[in-house]
C-alpha cells in the first residue's frame, strides 16, 4: 500500500465492526467495450496485515501476474466476496455513472450477511442504498478493503475480456481489455464496432475520416 495508507478503521463509524464493513470498487468505467464490473469484499481484521504484506494495493499499480496471485488469497481470507456488473445495453441506456452505481448495488445485494457500512472508492455516494457509506478518494491506494475489491473486480473483468477476445477477434481485447488504446481505436475504424462496443463512447471516433491513422 501507499506510504500514506490509513487504517481501514479510520473510515468506520462508531458502531461498525470488521465483519459488517464492505469495500466496494469498480473497473471498466472508461472502456470502449464491455460491461462495467464492481466487486465487494468483507475482510476480517486478522486478514489486513497479511494482505498488506502480500502487496494488496490499487489494482492498476500491480502487474497482471501479481493480481492473479493475490486474487485467490483475497478470496480465501475474506469473510464474503461478490461481483456485480452492468451490461453495455444498461450503460447505453443510463450513462456510465448510473450503470456503475447499478453494478455496485448488484454486488452489495449478493453479500449474504448483514452490513453496517460500505467503503466506496471515489468521491461520490452510492444512491438508492440505505446502508451507511464512506466515500474514500483514492481508496484503492489507502484502504486495504477497497484495494482488495479493486483487484477482484479487475481480475474478473480481465478474464471475461480474454474470453470475449475469441468471440470478437481482431480487436486486441486480450491486450487492452477494452480500453481506448490506439490499437483498439484503429481496429474499430477498420472492422467496425461490435455489439459489445459502447456507442456513446464511439461517436467522436466514428465521425473521423476513414483515412486518418491513429498511429
Protein backbone atom coordinates (compact mmCIF):
# COMPACT_ATOMS: atom_id res chain seq x y z
CA UNK A 1 0.00 0.00 0.00
CA UNK A 2 0.92 3.67 -0.26
CA UNK A 3 3.10 5.21 2.46
CA UNK A 4 0.03 7.35 3.18
CA UNK A 5 -2.14 4.29 3.81
CA UNK A 6 -4.59 4.85 6.62
CA UNK A 7 -6.15 2.21 8.83
CA UNK A 8 -9.40 0.89 7.42
CA UNK A 9 -10.95 1.64 10.79
CA UNK A 10 -10.33 5.35 10.16
CA UNK A 11 -13.34 5.12 7.85
CA UNK A 12 -15.58 3.14 10.23
CA UNK A 13 -18.49 4.56 12.17
CA UNK A 14 -18.62 4.18 15.96
CA UNK A 15 -20.83 1.09 15.79
CA UNK A 16 -19.12 -0.68 12.86
CA UNK A 17 -17.28 -3.97 13.19
CA UNK A 18 -14.88 -5.59 10.72
CA UNK A 19 -17.32 -8.34 9.78
CA UNK A 20 -20.01 -5.82 8.81
CA UNK A 21 -17.98 -3.36 6.70
CA UNK A 22 -17.58 -3.93 2.96
CA UNK A 23 -15.13 -2.42 0.50
CA UNK A 24 -16.53 -1.58 -2.95
CA UNK A 25 -14.72 -0.74 -6.18
CA UNK A 26 -15.31 -0.94 -9.94
CA UNK A 27 -13.36 -1.49 -13.12
CA UNK A 28 -14.08 -0.78 -16.77
CA UNK A 29 -15.73 2.58 -16.37
CA UNK A 30 -13.58 4.25 -19.04
CA UNK A 31 -13.57 1.39 -21.54
CA UNK A 32 -14.94 1.47 -25.07
CA UNK A 33 -16.02 -2.18 -24.91
CA UNK A 34 -17.79 -4.48 -22.49
CA UNK A 35 -19.55 -4.20 -19.14
CA UNK A 36 -18.56 -2.26 -16.06
CA UNK A 37 -17.83 -4.63 -13.16
CA UNK A 38 -17.94 -4.00 -9.42
CA UNK A 39 -16.66 -6.15 -6.57
CA UNK A 40 -17.46 -6.14 -2.86
CA UNK A 41 -15.17 -7.58 -0.17
CA UNK A 42 -15.71 -8.08 3.56
CA UNK A 43 -12.44 -8.79 5.39
CA UNK A 44 -11.76 -9.99 8.93
CA UNK A 45 -9.39 -7.84 10.95
CA UNK A 46 -6.85 -10.66 11.02
CA UNK A 47 -6.53 -10.55 7.21
CA UNK A 48 -5.48 -6.91 6.93
CA UNK A 49 -1.81 -7.16 7.89
CA UNK A 50 -1.15 -10.32 5.83
CA UNK A 51 -2.80 -8.79 2.77
CA UNK A 52 -0.74 -5.62 3.21
CA UNK A 53 2.44 -7.68 3.43
CA UNK A 54 1.39 -9.61 0.33
CA UNK A 55 1.18 -6.35 -1.61
CA UNK A 56 -2.54 -5.67 -1.86
CA UNK A 57 -2.99 -2.18 -3.29
CA UNK A 58 -4.67 -0.38 -6.18
CA UNK A 59 -5.04 -2.99 -8.94
CA UNK A 60 -3.77 -0.51 -11.54
CA UNK A 61 -0.39 -0.43 -9.79
CA UNK A 62 0.03 -4.22 -9.98
CA UNK A 63 1.11 -6.44 -12.83
CA UNK A 64 -1.32 -8.96 -14.28
CA UNK A 65 0.71 -11.78 -12.75
CA UNK A 66 0.63 -10.21 -9.29
CA UNK A 67 -3.11 -9.57 -9.47
CA UNK A 68 -3.69 -13.19 -10.42
CA UNK A 69 -1.59 -14.31 -7.44
CA UNK A 70 -3.45 -12.06 -5.00
CA UNK A 71 -6.92 -12.93 -6.29
CA UNK A 72 -7.19 -16.39 -4.62
CA UNK A 73 -5.51 -15.11 -1.46
CA UNK A 74 -8.16 -12.42 -1.09
CA UNK A 75 -10.99 -14.84 -1.82
CA UNK A 76 -9.67 -17.37 0.71
CA UNK A 77 -9.19 -14.88 3.54
CA UNK A 78 -12.31 -12.77 3.02
CA UNK A 79 -15.46 -13.21 5.07
CA UNK A 80 -17.51 -12.58 1.91
CA UNK A 81 -16.97 -11.55 -1.71
CA UNK A 82 -19.36 -10.73 -4.54
CA UNK A 83 -19.42 -9.24 -8.01
CA UNK A 84 -21.98 -7.27 -9.99
CA UNK A 85 -21.97 -5.89 -13.50
CA UNK A 86 -23.90 -3.58 -15.76
CA UNK A 87 -24.20 -4.55 -19.39
CA UNK A 88 -23.36 -2.43 -22.40
CA UNK A 89 -27.10 -2.01 -23.01
CA UNK A 90 -27.51 -0.60 -19.49
CA UNK A 91 -24.52 1.71 -19.97
CA UNK A 92 -26.12 2.99 -23.17
CA UNK A 93 -29.49 3.43 -21.52
CA UNK A 94 -28.49 5.04 -18.23
CA UNK A 95 -24.97 6.50 -18.83
CA UNK A 96 -21.75 5.13 -17.37
CA UNK A 97 -22.05 6.71 -13.92
CA UNK A 98 -25.53 5.32 -13.27
CA UNK A 99 -24.51 1.95 -14.71
CA UNK A 100 -21.53 1.88 -12.36
CA UNK A 101 -23.79 2.57 -9.39
CA UNK A 102 -26.07 -0.24 -10.56
CA UNK A 103 -23.17 -2.72 -10.74
CA UNK A 104 -22.13 -1.75 -7.21
CA UNK A 105 -25.65 -2.18 -5.85
CA UNK A 106 -25.94 -5.58 -7.52
CA UNK A 107 -22.67 -6.70 -5.92
CA UNK A 108 -23.77 -5.48 -2.49
CA UNK A 109 -27.08 -7.36 -2.69
CA UNK A 110 -25.16 -10.61 -3.18
CA UNK A 111 -23.38 -10.36 0.19
CA UNK A 112 -25.08 -12.94 2.40
CA UNK A 113 -24.59 -11.18 5.74
CA UNK A 114 -25.84 -8.01 7.41
CA UNK A 115 -23.68 -4.99 6.62
CA UNK A 116 -23.39 -1.80 8.64
CA UNK A 117 -21.33 0.25 6.18
CA UNK A 118 -19.69 0.20 2.76
CA UNK A 119 -16.42 1.92 1.93
CA UNK A 120 -16.53 3.16 -1.67
CA UNK A 121 -13.61 4.20 -3.83
CA UNK A 122 -14.07 7.75 -5.10
CA UNK A 123 -15.82 10.92 -4.02
CA UNK A 124 -19.47 10.04 -4.67
CA UNK A 125 -22.10 8.33 -2.59
CA UNK A 126 -23.96 5.33 -3.93
CA UNK A 127 -27.62 6.28 -4.48
CA UNK A 128 -30.57 4.06 -3.61
CA UNK A 129 -28.67 2.31 -0.82
CA UNK A 130 -29.84 2.66 2.78
CA UNK A 131 -26.54 1.32 4.13
CA UNK A 132 -24.18 3.81 5.77
CA UNK A 133 -21.43 4.83 3.38
CA UNK A 134 -17.98 6.36 3.41
CA UNK A 135 -16.52 7.60 0.13
CA UNK A 136 -12.72 7.46 0.10
CA UNK A 137 -10.81 9.39 -2.56
CA UNK A 138 -8.11 7.07 -3.93
CA UNK A 139 -9.48 4.48 -1.58
CA UNK A 140 -7.88 1.66 -3.54
CA UNK A 141 -4.48 3.10 -2.55
CA UNK A 142 -5.24 3.97 1.06
CA UNK A 143 -7.69 1.31 2.28
CA UNK A 144 -6.94 -2.43 2.18
CA UNK A 145 -10.59 -3.45 1.95
CA UNK A 146 -11.20 -1.24 -1.10
CA UNK A 147 -7.89 -2.30 -2.66
CA UNK A 148 -8.91 -5.94 -2.33
CA UNK A 149 -12.20 -5.16 -4.08
CA UNK A 150 -10.32 -3.39 -6.88
CA UNK A 151 -8.20 -6.49 -7.51
CA UNK A 152 -11.19 -8.84 -7.54
CA UNK A 153 -13.08 -6.59 -9.96
CA UNK A 154 -10.07 -6.19 -12.26
CA UNK A 155 -9.19 -9.88 -12.47
CA UNK A 156 -12.82 -10.93 -13.00
CA UNK A 157 -13.34 -8.43 -15.82
CA UNK A 158 -9.97 -9.15 -17.46
CA UNK A 159 -10.81 -12.86 -17.59
CA UNK A 160 -14.13 -12.04 -19.20
CA UNK A 161 -12.45 -9.87 -21.84
CA UNK A 162 -9.97 -12.63 -22.62
CA UNK A 163 -12.87 -14.99 -23.34
CA UNK A 164 -14.60 -12.36 -25.45
CA UNK A 165 -11.41 -11.94 -27.49
CA UNK A 166 -12.19 -15.35 -29.03
CA UNK A 167 -15.67 -14.20 -29.98
CA UNK A 168 -14.52 -10.89 -31.43
CA UNK A 169 -11.05 -11.47 -32.95
CA UNK A 170 -9.05 -8.66 -34.47
CA UNK A 171 -9.73 -6.00 -31.82
CA UNK A 172 -6.91 -6.97 -29.45
CA UNK A 173 -9.19 -7.32 -26.44
CA UNK A 174 -6.67 -9.58 -24.68
CA UNK A 175 -4.12 -6.80 -24.76
CA UNK A 176 -6.07 -3.65 -23.88
CA UNK A 177 -9.12 -5.15 -22.11
CA UNK A 178 -11.49 -2.79 -23.91
CA UNK A 179 -9.71 0.48 -23.15
CA UNK A 180 -9.28 3.09 -25.87
CA UNK A 181 -5.73 2.39 -26.99
CA UNK A 182 -4.53 3.38 -30.46
CA UNK A 183 -4.61 -0.28 -31.46
CA UNK A 184 -8.22 -0.63 -30.33
CA UNK A 185 -9.39 2.57 -31.99
CA UNK A 186 -7.73 1.64 -35.26
CA UNK A 187 -9.39 -1.80 -35.17
CA UNK A 188 -12.80 -0.20 -34.66
CA UNK A 189 -12.24 2.07 -37.66
CA UNK A 190 -11.16 -0.88 -39.80
CA UNK A 191 -13.61 -3.57 -38.62
CA UNK A 192 -16.49 -1.51 -37.27
CA UNK A 193 -17.91 -1.74 -33.75
CA UNK A 194 -19.22 -4.99 -32.28
CA UNK A 195 -22.49 -5.33 -30.34
CA UNK A 196 -20.46 -5.02 -27.13
CA UNK A 197 -18.87 -1.70 -28.02
CA UNK A 198 -20.34 1.31 -26.23
CA UNK A 199 -21.78 3.51 -28.95
CA UNK A 200 -21.96 6.52 -26.59
CA UNK A 201 -18.17 6.33 -26.31
CA UNK A 202 -17.52 5.93 -30.03
CA UNK A 203 -19.35 8.91 -31.52
CA UNK A 204 -16.34 11.17 -31.95
CA UNK A 205 -14.16 8.32 -33.17
CA UNK A 206 -16.62 7.15 -35.81
CA UNK A 207 -17.07 10.69 -37.09
CA UNK A 208 -13.39 10.85 -38.07
CA UNK A 209 -12.50 10.47 -41.76
CA UNK A 210 -11.73 6.84 -42.54
CA UNK A 211 -8.28 7.59 -43.91
CA UNK A 212 -6.98 9.10 -40.66
CA UNK A 213 -4.46 6.81 -38.92
CA UNK A 214 -4.26 6.87 -35.15
CA UNK A 215 -0.68 5.62 -35.09
